[in-house]
């Protein structure tokens, strides 16, 4: 199983929940990068910025991408993380997945998937991309990268 884990793209300051123009560009780049990977399942929270990050990929893949929303508001951050990790692990081993979450949940998701501990994601960091290669045994290797304009 391959799982791409990232924070939503660049967002406007509170109270807005939309992407900035730079965030829209980053989301378009993500779609270009992932469109041919075989990704078929996406997880995100109910936040508009998370959905907007996935929108260009959904437009490219259409019905070949299933987006599953896991509420962070109803479940809290810990519940959101646990449900995503459980749901990802329940997918067939050949599945390629993308998880778009938040600065405070990406690290625990990566850890829950067996990728170990990552450095905290800063409030203004939107370019980190983690790729977990999960074996059927549950062990995982983690590739740490960045995409798009540096933040």
N, C-alpha and C. Protein backbone atom coordinates (compact mmCIF):
# COMPACT_ATOMS: atom_id res chain seq x y z
N UNK A 1 0.85 -1.17 0.00
CA UNK A 1 0.00 0.00 0.00
C UNK A 1 0.90 1.24 0.00
N UNK A 2 0.47 2.23 -0.76
CA UNK A 2 1.17 3.51 -0.78
C UNK A 2 0.20 4.56 -0.28
N UNK A 3 0.67 5.37 0.69
CA UNK A 3 -0.18 6.41 1.26
C UNK A 3 0.56 7.73 1.25
N UNK A 4 0.01 8.69 0.54
CA UNK A 4 0.52 10.07 0.53
C UNK A 4 -0.19 10.81 1.66
N UNK A 5 0.58 11.44 2.54
CA UNK A 5 -0.01 12.17 3.66
C UNK A 5 0.52 13.59 3.63
N UNK A 6 -0.38 14.56 3.71
CA UNK A 6 0.01 15.96 3.65
C UNK A 6 -1.00 16.84 4.34
N UNK A 7 -0.54 18.04 4.62
CA UNK A 7 -1.42 19.07 5.15
C UNK A 7 -2.12 19.71 3.95
N UNK A 8 -3.32 20.21 4.17
CA UNK A 8 -4.02 20.94 3.11
C UNK A 8 -3.10 22.03 2.56
N UNK A 9 -3.40 22.51 1.37
CA UNK A 9 -2.59 23.56 0.73
C UNK A 9 -2.78 24.89 1.46
N UNK A 10 -1.98 25.86 1.07
CA UNK A 10 -1.91 27.18 1.70
C UNK A 10 -3.29 27.80 1.89
N UNK A 11 -3.58 28.20 3.09
CA UNK A 11 -4.91 28.72 3.42
C UNK A 11 -4.87 30.20 3.72
N UNK A 12 -6.02 30.81 3.55
CA UNK A 12 -6.18 32.22 3.92
C UNK A 12 -6.20 32.30 5.45
N UNK A 13 -5.85 33.47 6.02
CA UNK A 13 -5.87 33.63 7.48
C UNK A 13 -7.28 33.43 8.04
N UNK A 14 -7.34 33.05 9.31
CA UNK A 14 -8.64 32.92 9.99
C UNK A 14 -9.40 34.22 9.88
N UNK A 15 -10.67 34.22 9.80
CA UNK A 15 -11.58 33.08 9.92
C UNK A 15 -11.87 32.38 8.61
N UNK A 16 -11.26 32.81 7.51
CA UNK A 16 -11.51 32.18 6.21
C UNK A 16 -11.07 30.71 6.23
N UNK A 17 -11.73 29.91 5.42
CA UNK A 17 -11.40 28.49 5.34
C UNK A 17 -11.09 28.11 3.89
N UNK A 18 -10.67 29.08 3.09
CA UNK A 18 -10.39 28.83 1.69
C UNK A 18 -8.89 28.84 1.43
N UNK A 19 -8.50 28.36 0.26
CA UNK A 19 -7.10 28.39 -0.14
C UNK A 19 -6.74 29.76 -0.71
N UNK A 20 -5.49 30.12 -0.53
CA UNK A 20 -4.94 31.31 -1.17
C UNK A 20 -4.67 30.98 -2.64
N UNK A 21 -4.36 31.97 -3.49
CA UNK A 21 -3.96 31.65 -4.86
C UNK A 21 -2.75 30.69 -4.90
N UNK A 22 -1.80 30.86 -3.98
CA UNK A 22 -0.66 29.93 -3.92
C UNK A 22 -1.14 28.53 -3.55
N UNK A 23 -2.14 28.45 -2.68
CA UNK A 23 -2.70 27.15 -2.29
C UNK A 23 -3.40 26.46 -3.45
N UNK A 24 -4.10 27.23 -4.26
CA UNK A 24 -4.75 26.67 -5.44
C UNK A 24 -3.70 26.09 -6.39
N UNK A 25 -2.60 26.82 -6.59
CA UNK A 25 -1.51 26.32 -7.44
C UNK A 25 -0.91 25.05 -6.86
N UNK A 26 -0.75 25.02 -5.53
CA UNK A 26 -0.18 23.83 -4.89
C UNK A 26 -1.13 22.64 -5.07
N UNK A 27 -2.43 22.86 -4.93
CA UNK A 27 -3.41 21.79 -5.11
C UNK A 27 -3.39 21.27 -6.56
N UNK A 28 -3.22 22.18 -7.53
CA UNK A 28 -3.14 21.77 -8.93
C UNK A 28 -1.88 20.95 -9.18
N UNK A 29 -0.77 21.35 -8.55
CA UNK A 29 0.47 20.58 -8.68
C UNK A 29 0.30 19.20 -8.07
N UNK A 30 -0.33 19.13 -6.92
CA UNK A 30 -0.58 17.83 -6.28
C UNK A 30 -1.36 16.92 -7.22
N UNK A 31 -2.39 17.46 -7.85
CA UNK A 31 -3.19 16.66 -8.78
C UNK A 31 -2.33 16.16 -9.93
N UNK A 32 -1.49 17.02 -10.45
CA UNK A 32 -0.61 16.63 -11.56
C UNK A 32 0.35 15.52 -11.11
N UNK A 33 0.87 15.66 -9.88
CA UNK A 33 1.82 14.67 -9.36
C UNK A 33 1.16 13.31 -9.11
N UNK A 34 -0.06 13.32 -8.60
CA UNK A 34 -0.69 12.07 -8.15
C UNK A 34 -1.61 11.42 -9.17
N UNK A 35 -1.98 12.13 -10.22
CA UNK A 35 -3.00 11.64 -11.16
C UNK A 35 -2.66 10.29 -11.78
N UNK A 36 -1.38 10.01 -11.97
CA UNK A 36 -0.99 8.76 -12.63
C UNK A 36 -0.40 7.74 -11.67
N UNK A 37 -0.56 7.95 -10.38
CA UNK A 37 0.00 7.03 -9.39
C UNK A 37 -0.89 5.83 -9.11
N UNK A 38 -2.14 5.90 -9.58
CA UNK A 38 -3.09 4.85 -9.25
C UNK A 38 -3.89 5.16 -8.00
N UNK A 39 -3.75 6.38 -7.47
CA UNK A 39 -4.51 6.75 -6.27
C UNK A 39 -6.00 6.60 -6.56
N UNK A 40 -6.68 5.94 -5.63
CA UNK A 40 -8.11 5.68 -5.83
C UNK A 40 -8.97 6.08 -4.63
N UNK A 41 -8.32 6.32 -3.50
CA UNK A 41 -9.05 6.69 -2.28
C UNK A 41 -8.38 7.90 -1.66
N UNK A 42 -9.20 8.85 -1.22
CA UNK A 42 -8.70 10.03 -0.54
C UNK A 42 -9.47 10.21 0.76
N UNK A 43 -8.75 10.63 1.79
CA UNK A 43 -9.37 10.96 3.07
C UNK A 43 -9.09 12.42 3.36
N UNK A 44 -10.07 13.09 3.95
CA UNK A 44 -9.89 14.48 4.37
C UNK A 44 -10.90 14.79 5.47
N UNK A 45 -10.71 15.95 6.09
CA UNK A 45 -11.68 16.42 7.07
C UNK A 45 -12.79 17.16 6.33
N UNK A 46 -13.71 17.72 7.08
CA UNK A 46 -14.80 18.47 6.49
C UNK A 46 -14.41 19.91 6.15
N UNK A 47 -13.20 20.32 6.48
CA UNK A 47 -12.75 21.68 6.22
C UNK A 47 -12.72 21.97 4.72
N UNK A 48 -13.20 23.14 4.34
CA UNK A 48 -13.21 23.53 2.93
C UNK A 48 -11.81 23.47 2.34
N UNK A 49 -10.80 23.89 3.09
CA UNK A 49 -9.42 23.90 2.57
C UNK A 49 -8.93 22.49 2.25
N UNK A 50 -9.36 21.50 2.99
CA UNK A 50 -8.98 20.12 2.71
C UNK A 50 -9.65 19.64 1.42
N UNK A 51 -10.93 19.93 1.27
CA UNK A 51 -11.65 19.55 0.05
C UNK A 51 -11.08 20.30 -1.16
N UNK A 52 -10.77 21.58 -0.99
CA UNK A 52 -10.23 22.36 -2.10
C UNK A 52 -8.85 21.85 -2.52
N UNK A 53 -8.10 21.30 -1.59
CA UNK A 53 -6.81 20.71 -1.92
C UNK A 53 -6.98 19.48 -2.80
N UNK A 54 -8.05 18.73 -2.58
CA UNK A 54 -8.32 17.52 -3.36
C UNK A 54 -9.09 17.79 -4.66
N UNK A 55 -9.70 18.94 -4.78
CA UNK A 55 -10.58 19.21 -5.91
C UNK A 55 -9.92 19.03 -7.28
N UNK A 56 -8.72 19.57 -7.53
CA UNK A 56 -8.11 19.33 -8.84
C UNK A 56 -7.86 17.85 -9.14
N UNK A 57 -7.52 17.08 -8.12
CA UNK A 57 -7.32 15.64 -8.31
C UNK A 57 -8.65 14.96 -8.62
N UNK A 58 -9.69 15.36 -7.92
CA UNK A 58 -11.03 14.80 -8.19
C UNK A 58 -11.46 15.14 -9.61
N UNK A 59 -11.17 16.36 -10.06
CA UNK A 59 -11.53 16.75 -11.43
C UNK A 59 -10.79 15.89 -12.45
N UNK A 60 -9.53 15.58 -12.18
CA UNK A 60 -8.74 14.76 -13.12
C UNK A 60 -9.20 13.30 -13.13
N UNK A 61 -9.51 12.78 -11.96
CA UNK A 61 -9.80 11.34 -11.85
C UNK A 61 -11.28 11.00 -11.90
N UNK A 62 -12.14 11.96 -11.65
CA UNK A 62 -13.58 11.71 -11.69
C UNK A 62 -14.00 10.59 -10.76
N UNK A 63 -14.76 9.65 -11.31
CA UNK A 63 -15.28 8.54 -10.50
C UNK A 63 -14.21 7.53 -10.09
N UNK A 64 -12.98 7.71 -10.57
CA UNK A 64 -11.90 6.81 -10.18
C UNK A 64 -11.30 7.18 -8.82
N UNK A 65 -11.78 8.27 -8.23
CA UNK A 65 -11.32 8.69 -6.91
C UNK A 65 -12.50 8.75 -5.96
N UNK A 66 -12.41 7.99 -4.88
CA UNK A 66 -13.42 8.03 -3.83
C UNK A 66 -12.89 8.89 -2.70
N UNK A 67 -13.62 9.96 -2.36
CA UNK A 67 -13.20 10.85 -1.27
C UNK A 67 -14.06 10.53 -0.05
N UNK A 68 -13.36 10.22 1.05
CA UNK A 68 -14.03 9.88 2.31
C UNK A 68 -13.73 10.96 3.33
N UNK A 69 -14.77 11.58 3.80
CA UNK A 69 -14.62 12.66 4.78
C UNK A 69 -14.68 12.08 6.19
N UNK A 70 -13.66 12.41 6.98
CA UNK A 70 -13.61 11.99 8.39
C UNK A 70 -13.62 13.27 9.21
N UNK A 71 -14.68 13.50 9.94
CA UNK A 71 -14.86 14.75 10.67
C UNK A 71 -13.82 14.96 11.76
N UNK A 72 -13.26 16.14 11.78
CA UNK A 72 -12.37 16.53 12.87
C UNK A 72 -13.17 17.29 13.93
N UNK A 73 -14.27 17.92 13.50
CA UNK A 73 -15.11 18.68 14.44
C UNK A 73 -15.85 17.74 15.37
N UNK A 74 -16.47 16.72 14.80
CA UNK A 74 -17.25 15.78 15.62
C UNK A 74 -16.38 14.83 16.43
N UNK A 75 -15.29 14.35 15.84
CA UNK A 75 -14.46 13.34 16.49
C UNK A 75 -13.31 13.91 17.30
N UNK A 76 -12.99 15.20 17.08
CA UNK A 76 -11.80 15.78 17.68
C UNK A 76 -10.57 15.30 16.92
N UNK A 77 -9.45 15.94 17.18
CA UNK A 77 -8.22 15.60 16.45
C UNK A 77 -7.82 14.14 16.64
N UNK A 78 -7.86 13.66 17.88
CA UNK A 78 -7.46 12.27 18.14
C UNK A 78 -8.39 11.28 17.44
N UNK A 79 -9.69 11.52 17.51
CA UNK A 79 -10.65 10.63 16.85
C UNK A 79 -10.50 10.66 15.34
N UNK A 80 -10.24 11.84 14.80
CA UNK A 80 -10.00 12.00 13.36
C UNK A 80 -8.80 11.15 12.94
N UNK A 81 -7.71 11.26 13.68
CA UNK A 81 -6.50 10.49 13.39
C UNK A 81 -6.78 9.00 13.47
N UNK A 82 -7.40 8.57 14.56
CA UNK A 82 -7.65 7.14 14.76
C UNK A 82 -8.53 6.56 13.65
N UNK A 83 -9.57 7.30 13.27
CA UNK A 83 -10.48 6.80 12.23
C UNK A 83 -9.78 6.75 10.87
N UNK A 84 -8.96 7.75 10.55
CA UNK A 84 -8.23 7.71 9.28
C UNK A 84 -7.26 6.53 9.27
N UNK A 85 -6.49 6.37 10.33
CA UNK A 85 -5.51 5.28 10.38
C UNK A 85 -6.23 3.93 10.25
N UNK A 86 -7.30 3.75 10.98
CA UNK A 86 -8.07 2.50 10.92
C UNK A 86 -8.63 2.28 9.51
N UNK A 87 -9.17 3.32 8.91
CA UNK A 87 -9.76 3.19 7.57
C UNK A 87 -8.70 2.89 6.52
N UNK A 88 -7.56 3.57 6.60
CA UNK A 88 -6.48 3.31 5.66
C UNK A 88 -6.02 1.86 5.78
N UNK A 89 -5.80 1.41 7.00
CA UNK A 89 -5.32 0.05 7.22
C UNK A 89 -6.32 -1.02 6.79
N UNK A 90 -7.59 -0.65 6.66
CA UNK A 90 -8.61 -1.61 6.24
C UNK A 90 -8.69 -1.75 4.71
N UNK A 91 -7.96 -0.91 3.98
CA UNK A 91 -7.98 -0.98 2.52
C UNK A 91 -7.13 -2.16 2.04
N UNK A 92 -7.41 -2.66 0.84
CA UNK A 92 -6.59 -3.75 0.28
C UNK A 92 -5.13 -3.31 0.14
N UNK A 93 -4.19 -4.23 0.29
CA UNK A 93 -2.77 -3.90 0.24
C UNK A 93 -2.29 -3.23 -1.04
N UNK A 94 -3.02 -3.40 -2.13
CA UNK A 94 -2.59 -2.82 -3.40
C UNK A 94 -3.12 -1.39 -3.62
N UNK A 95 -3.81 -0.83 -2.63
CA UNK A 95 -4.45 0.47 -2.77
C UNK A 95 -3.44 1.61 -2.64
N UNK A 96 -3.63 2.64 -3.44
CA UNK A 96 -2.87 3.88 -3.32
C UNK A 96 -3.83 4.94 -2.81
N UNK A 97 -3.42 5.63 -1.74
CA UNK A 97 -4.30 6.52 -0.98
C UNK A 97 -3.63 7.87 -0.80
N UNK A 98 -4.44 8.92 -0.73
CA UNK A 98 -3.95 10.24 -0.32
C UNK A 98 -4.76 10.69 0.89
N UNK A 99 -4.07 11.21 1.88
CA UNK A 99 -4.71 11.75 3.08
C UNK A 99 -4.35 13.22 3.16
N UNK A 100 -5.37 14.08 3.15
CA UNK A 100 -5.17 15.52 3.30
C UNK A 100 -5.74 15.89 4.66
N UNK A 101 -4.86 16.31 5.56
CA UNK A 101 -5.30 16.62 6.91
C UNK A 101 -4.76 17.99 7.34
N UNK A 102 -4.36 18.11 8.59
CA UNK A 102 -4.03 19.41 9.18
C UNK A 102 -2.67 19.36 9.88
N UNK A 103 -2.13 20.53 10.18
CA UNK A 103 -0.78 20.61 10.76
C UNK A 103 -0.66 19.78 12.04
N UNK A 104 -1.72 19.70 12.82
CA UNK A 104 -1.65 18.97 14.09
C UNK A 104 -2.04 17.50 13.99
N UNK A 105 -2.46 17.05 12.80
CA UNK A 105 -2.88 15.66 12.67
C UNK A 105 -2.01 14.85 11.70
N UNK A 106 -1.27 15.52 10.82
CA UNK A 106 -0.43 14.79 9.86
C UNK A 106 0.58 13.91 10.59
N UNK A 107 1.27 14.47 11.57
CA UNK A 107 2.27 13.69 12.32
C UNK A 107 1.69 12.45 12.98
N UNK A 108 0.59 12.59 13.73
CA UNK A 108 0.00 11.39 14.33
C UNK A 108 -0.53 10.38 13.31
N UNK A 109 -0.99 10.85 12.16
CA UNK A 109 -1.43 9.92 11.12
C UNK A 109 -0.23 9.13 10.59
N UNK A 110 0.85 9.85 10.28
CA UNK A 110 2.07 9.18 9.80
C UNK A 110 2.53 8.14 10.83
N UNK A 111 2.57 8.53 12.09
CA UNK A 111 3.00 7.62 13.15
C UNK A 111 2.06 6.41 13.25
N UNK A 112 0.75 6.65 13.18
CA UNK A 112 -0.23 5.57 13.26
C UNK A 112 -0.13 4.58 12.11
N UNK A 113 0.35 5.06 10.98
CA UNK A 113 0.52 4.19 9.81
C UNK A 113 1.85 3.43 9.85
N UNK A 114 2.65 3.68 10.88
CA UNK A 114 3.91 2.98 11.03
C UNK A 114 5.10 3.72 10.46
N UNK A 115 4.92 5.01 10.13
CA UNK A 115 5.98 5.80 9.53
C UNK A 115 6.90 6.49 10.51
N UNK A 116 6.68 6.29 11.80
CA UNK A 116 7.53 6.91 12.81
C UNK A 116 7.12 8.34 13.11
N UNK A 117 7.97 9.01 13.86
CA UNK A 117 7.71 10.38 14.30
C UNK A 117 8.31 11.36 13.31
N UNK A 118 7.53 12.39 12.98
CA UNK A 118 8.02 13.45 12.10
C UNK A 118 8.11 14.74 12.90
N UNK A 119 8.89 15.69 12.38
CA UNK A 119 8.96 17.01 13.01
C UNK A 119 7.61 17.69 12.90
N UNK A 120 7.27 18.51 13.90
CA UNK A 120 6.00 19.23 13.84
C UNK A 120 5.92 20.10 12.57
N UNK A 121 4.71 20.29 12.08
CA UNK A 121 4.48 21.14 10.92
C UNK A 121 4.09 22.52 11.42
N UNK A 122 4.85 23.53 11.00
CA UNK A 122 4.60 24.90 11.43
C UNK A 122 3.34 25.47 10.80
N UNK A 123 2.82 26.52 11.43
CA UNK A 123 1.60 27.16 10.94
C UNK A 123 1.70 27.62 9.50
N UNK A 124 2.89 28.00 9.06
CA UNK A 124 3.05 28.52 7.70
C UNK A 124 3.69 27.50 6.76
N UNK A 125 3.76 26.23 7.16
CA UNK A 125 4.34 25.18 6.31
C UNK A 125 3.22 24.42 5.59
N UNK A 126 3.29 24.45 4.28
CA UNK A 126 2.28 23.77 3.47
C UNK A 126 2.90 22.84 2.43
N UNK A 127 4.22 22.75 2.40
CA UNK A 127 4.89 22.03 1.31
C UNK A 127 5.41 20.64 1.68
N UNK A 128 5.17 20.19 2.90
CA UNK A 128 5.65 18.87 3.29
C UNK A 128 4.75 17.78 2.72
N UNK A 129 5.39 16.72 2.23
CA UNK A 129 4.68 15.58 1.67
C UNK A 129 5.34 14.31 2.17
N UNK A 130 4.55 13.43 2.76
CA UNK A 130 5.06 12.18 3.30
C UNK A 130 4.44 11.04 2.50
N UNK A 131 5.28 10.07 2.17
CA UNK A 131 4.80 8.91 1.42
C UNK A 131 5.16 7.66 2.22
N UNK A 132 4.13 6.97 2.69
CA UNK A 132 4.32 5.75 3.47
C UNK A 132 4.12 4.54 2.54
N UNK A 133 5.10 3.66 2.54
CA UNK A 133 5.03 2.41 1.81
C UNK A 133 4.77 1.33 2.86
N UNK A 134 3.54 0.85 2.91
CA UNK A 134 3.13 -0.07 3.97
C UNK A 134 3.06 -1.49 3.41
N UNK A 135 3.82 -2.36 4.02
CA UNK A 135 3.83 -3.76 3.62
C UNK A 135 2.59 -4.48 4.17
N UNK A 136 2.20 -5.59 3.58
CA UNK A 136 1.07 -6.35 4.11
C UNK A 136 1.25 -6.75 5.57
N UNK A 137 2.51 -6.85 6.03
CA UNK A 137 2.77 -7.21 7.43
C UNK A 137 2.49 -6.04 8.38
N UNK A 138 2.30 -4.83 7.81
CA UNK A 138 2.05 -3.64 8.64
C UNK A 138 3.27 -2.77 8.83
N UNK A 139 4.46 -3.28 8.57
CA UNK A 139 5.65 -2.44 8.69
C UNK A 139 5.67 -1.44 7.54
N UNK A 140 6.35 -0.32 7.75
CA UNK A 140 6.30 0.73 6.74
C UNK A 140 7.64 1.43 6.59
N UNK A 141 7.88 1.96 5.41
CA UNK A 141 8.99 2.87 5.15
C UNK A 141 8.38 4.21 4.82
N UNK A 142 9.06 5.29 5.22
CA UNK A 142 8.53 6.62 5.01
C UNK A 142 9.51 7.45 4.19
N UNK A 143 8.99 8.04 3.15
CA UNK A 143 9.74 8.98 2.33
C UNK A 143 9.25 10.38 2.70
N UNK A 144 10.18 11.27 3.04
CA UNK A 144 9.84 12.64 3.42
C UNK A 144 10.25 13.55 2.28
N UNK A 145 9.32 14.38 1.82
CA UNK A 145 9.63 15.28 0.72
C UNK A 145 8.89 16.60 0.85
N UNK A 146 9.07 17.41 -0.16
CA UNK A 146 8.39 18.70 -0.25
C UNK A 146 7.92 18.87 -1.68
N UNK A 147 6.85 19.63 -1.87
CA UNK A 147 6.35 19.86 -3.21
C UNK A 147 5.88 21.31 -3.33
N UNK A 148 6.01 21.84 -4.54
CA UNK A 148 5.58 23.19 -4.80
C UNK A 148 6.54 24.21 -4.21
N UNK A 149 6.08 25.45 -4.18
CA UNK A 149 6.88 26.56 -3.65
C UNK A 149 7.22 26.31 -2.19
N UNK A 150 8.45 26.64 -1.82
CA UNK A 150 8.90 26.47 -0.44
C UNK A 150 8.09 27.36 0.50
N UNK A 151 7.74 26.81 1.66
CA UNK A 151 7.04 27.60 2.68
C UNK A 151 7.77 27.48 3.99
